[in-house]
């Protein structure tokens, strides 16, 4: 029972990280779309002000990218843990619950 609960918890964690990754991708796509729209809207003085804002936005986007990469690394770790757990569970089932 404890093994099943841990397996379910790992699966839920894996699913949550997957959903978070999808949401971050959608947010990033939205940021890029707004950036493109604003770039087309502004000209002259407004464009230079926009460039300064875009540079700040780019720095923030870089931070978001770093966070996203960190989340992906954590997701990989969760995946490896889940795979190891599945292998251990399969081995235990094959042995009929007996220790080696």
C-alpha atoms as a PDB file:
ATOM      1  CA  UNK A   1       0.000   0.000   0.000  1.00  0.00           C
ATOM      2  CA  UNK A   2       2.821   2.417   0.915  1.00  0.00           C
ATOM      3  CA  UNK A   3       4.582   1.658  -2.385  1.00  0.00           C
ATOM      4  CA  UNK A   4       1.414   2.346  -4.365  1.00  0.00           C
ATOM      5  CA  UNK A   5       0.890   5.671  -2.589  1.00  0.00           C
ATOM      6  CA  UNK A   6       4.466   6.745  -3.258  1.00  0.00           C
ATOM      7  CA  UNK A   7       4.157   5.702  -6.878  1.00  0.00           C
ATOM      8  CA  UNK A   8       0.918   7.686  -7.218  1.00  0.00           C
ATOM      9  CA  UNK A   9       2.561  10.680  -5.527  1.00  0.00           C
ATOM     10  CA  UNK A  10       5.497  10.515  -7.964  1.00  0.00           C
ATOM     11  CA  UNK A  11       3.099  10.257 -10.887  1.00  0.00           C
ATOM     12  CA  UNK A  12       1.122  13.278  -9.660  1.00  0.00           C
ATOM     13  CA  UNK A  13       4.336  15.251  -9.212  1.00  0.00           C
ATOM     14  CA  UNK A  14       5.440  14.276 -12.711  1.00  0.00           C
ATOM     15  CA  UNK A  15       2.070  15.374 -14.136  1.00  0.00           C
ATOM     16  CA  UNK A  16       2.191  18.678 -12.246  1.00  0.00           C
ATOM     17  CA  UNK A  17       5.674  19.487 -13.586  1.00  0.00           C
ATOM     18  CA  UNK A  18       4.454  18.670 -17.083  1.00  0.00           C
ATOM     19  CA  UNK A  19       1.503  21.045 -16.720  1.00  0.00           C
ATOM     20  CA  UNK A  20       3.732  23.752 -15.271  1.00  0.00           C
ATOM     21  CA  UNK A  21       6.081  23.412 -18.229  1.00  0.00           C
ATOM     22  CA  UNK A  22       3.171  23.762 -20.656  1.00  0.00           C
ATOM     23  CA  UNK A  23       1.905  26.856 -18.829  1.00  0.00           C
ATOM     24  CA  UNK A  24       5.365  28.439 -18.902  1.00  0.00           C
ATOM     25  CA  UNK A  25       5.625  27.771 -22.639  1.00  0.00           C
ATOM     26  CA  UNK A  26       2.241  29.452 -23.184  1.00  0.00           C
ATOM     27  CA  UNK A  27       3.303  32.452 -21.070  1.00  0.00           C
ATOM     28  CA  UNK A  28       6.553  32.741 -23.010  1.00  0.00           C
ATOM     29  CA  UNK A  29       4.710  32.548 -26.343  1.00  0.00           C
ATOM     30  CA  UNK A  30       2.367  35.306 -25.132  1.00  0.00           C
ATOM     31  CA  UNK A  31       5.281  37.523 -24.099  1.00  0.00           C
ATOM     32  CA  UNK A  32       6.902  37.092 -27.496  1.00  0.00           C
ATOM     33  CA  UNK A  33       3.639  37.870 -29.314  1.00  0.00           C
ATOM     34  CA  UNK A  34       3.130  41.075 -27.297  1.00  0.00           C
ATOM     35  CA  UNK A  35       6.743  42.034 -27.940  1.00  0.00           C
ATOM     36  CA  UNK A  36       6.281  41.633 -31.691  1.00  0.00           C
ATOM     37  CA  UNK A  37       3.011  43.602 -31.674  1.00  0.00           C
ATOM     38  CA  UNK A  38       4.523  46.462 -29.676  1.00  0.00           C
ATOM     39  CA  UNK A  39       7.576  46.595 -31.929  1.00  0.00           C
ATOM     40  CA  UNK A  40       5.288  47.128 -34.927  1.00  0.00           C
ATOM     41  CA  UNK A  41       3.197  49.796 -33.162  1.00  0.00           C
ATOM     42  CA  UNK A  42       5.891  52.218 -32.030  1.00  0.00           C
ATOM     43  CA  UNK A  43       7.947  54.607 -34.137  1.00  0.00           C
ATOM     44  CA  UNK A  44      10.320  57.541 -33.487  1.00  0.00           C
ATOM     45  CA  UNK A  45      10.742  58.632 -29.863  1.00  0.00           C
ATOM     46  CA  UNK A  46       8.309  56.048 -28.664  1.00  0.00           C
ATOM     47  CA  UNK A  47      10.360  53.404 -30.380  1.00  0.00           C
ATOM     48  CA  UNK A  48      13.530  54.382 -28.495  1.00  0.00           C
ATOM     49  CA  UNK A  49      11.577  54.300 -25.219  1.00  0.00           C
ATOM     50  CA  UNK A  50      10.242  50.930 -26.230  1.00  0.00           C
ATOM     51  CA  UNK A  51      13.762  49.701 -26.982  1.00  0.00           C
ATOM     52  CA  UNK A  52      14.837  50.580 -23.433  1.00  0.00           C
ATOM     53  CA  UNK A  53      11.803  48.768 -22.064  1.00  0.00           C
ATOM     54  CA  UNK A  54      12.518  45.852 -24.376  1.00  0.00           C
ATOM     55  CA  UNK A  55      16.053  45.602 -23.027  1.00  0.00           C
ATOM     56  CA  UNK A  56      14.692  45.408 -19.484  1.00  0.00           C
ATOM     57  CA  UNK A  57      12.130  42.895 -20.659  1.00  0.00           C
ATOM     58  CA  UNK A  58      14.872  40.871 -22.314  1.00  0.00           C
ATOM     59  CA  UNK A  59      16.788  40.700 -19.036  1.00  0.00           C
ATOM     60  CA  UNK A  60      13.637  39.523 -17.279  1.00  0.00           C
ATOM     61  CA  UNK A  61      12.987  37.015 -20.047  1.00  0.00           C
ATOM     62  CA  UNK A  62      16.499  35.687 -19.541  1.00  0.00           C
ATOM     63  CA  UNK A  63      15.719  35.185 -15.863  1.00  0.00           C
ATOM     64  CA  UNK A  64      12.482  33.427 -16.812  1.00  0.00           C
ATOM     65  CA  UNK A  65      14.450  31.223 -19.180  1.00  0.00           C
ATOM     66  CA  UNK A  66      16.863  30.308 -16.376  1.00  0.00           C
ATOM     67  CA  UNK A  67      13.927  29.444 -14.116  1.00  0.00           C
ATOM     68  CA  UNK A  68      12.373  27.372 -16.893  1.00  0.00           C
ATOM     69  CA  UNK A  69      15.647  25.494 -17.446  1.00  0.00           C
ATOM     70  CA  UNK A  70      15.846  24.816 -13.712  1.00  0.00           C
ATOM     71  CA  UNK A  71      12.289  23.477 -13.727  1.00  0.00           C
ATOM     72  CA  UNK A  72      13.090  21.226 -16.668  1.00  0.00           C
ATOM     73  CA  UNK A  73      16.140  19.886 -14.822  1.00  0.00           C
ATOM     74  CA  UNK A  74      13.955  19.162 -11.805  1.00  0.00           C
ATOM     75  CA  UNK A  75      11.410  17.458 -14.057  1.00  0.00           C
ATOM     76  CA  UNK A  76      14.187  15.265 -15.462  1.00  0.00           C
ATOM     77  CA  UNK A  77      15.154  14.342 -11.910  1.00  0.00           C
ATOM     78  CA  UNK A  78      11.533  13.456 -11.103  1.00  0.00           C
ATOM     79  CA  UNK A  79      11.369  11.347 -14.276  1.00  0.00           C
ATOM     80  CA  UNK A  80      14.561   9.474 -13.369  1.00  0.00           C
ATOM     81  CA  UNK A  81      13.283   8.879  -9.835  1.00  0.00           C
ATOM     82  CA  UNK A  82       9.955   7.615 -11.168  1.00  0.00           C
ATOM     83  CA  UNK A  83      11.733   5.307 -13.633  1.00  0.00           C
ATOM     84  CA  UNK A  84      13.965   3.920 -10.882  1.00  0.00           C
ATOM     85  CA  UNK A  85      10.930   3.420  -8.671  1.00  0.00           C
ATOM     86  CA  UNK A  86       9.075   1.615 -11.474  1.00  0.00           C
ATOM     87  CA  UNK A  87      12.072  -0.670 -12.062  1.00  0.00           C
ATOM     88  CA  UNK A  88      12.376  -1.424  -8.342  1.00  0.00           C
ATOM     89  CA  UNK A  89       8.656  -2.066  -8.080  1.00  0.00           C
ATOM     90  CA  UNK A  90       8.777  -4.371 -11.120  1.00  0.00           C
ATOM     91  CA  UNK A  91      11.696  -6.294  -9.632  1.00  0.00           C
ATOM     92  CA  UNK A  92       9.870  -6.625  -6.339  1.00  0.00           C
ATOM     93  CA  UNK A  93       6.724  -7.867  -8.069  1.00  0.00           C
ATOM     94  CA  UNK A  94       8.749 -10.433 -10.045  1.00  0.00           C
ATOM     95  CA  UNK A  95      10.254 -11.716  -6.809  1.00  0.00           C
ATOM     96  CA  UNK A  96       6.853 -11.938  -5.202  1.00  0.00           C
ATOM     97  CA  UNK A  97       7.785  -9.378  -2.551  1.00  0.00           C
ATOM     98  CA  UNK A  98      10.798 -11.367  -1.323  1.00  0.00           C
ATOM     99  CA  UNK A  99      14.075  -9.558  -0.687  1.00  0.00           C
ATOM    100  CA  UNK A 100      17.162 -10.670  -2.617  1.00  0.00           C
END
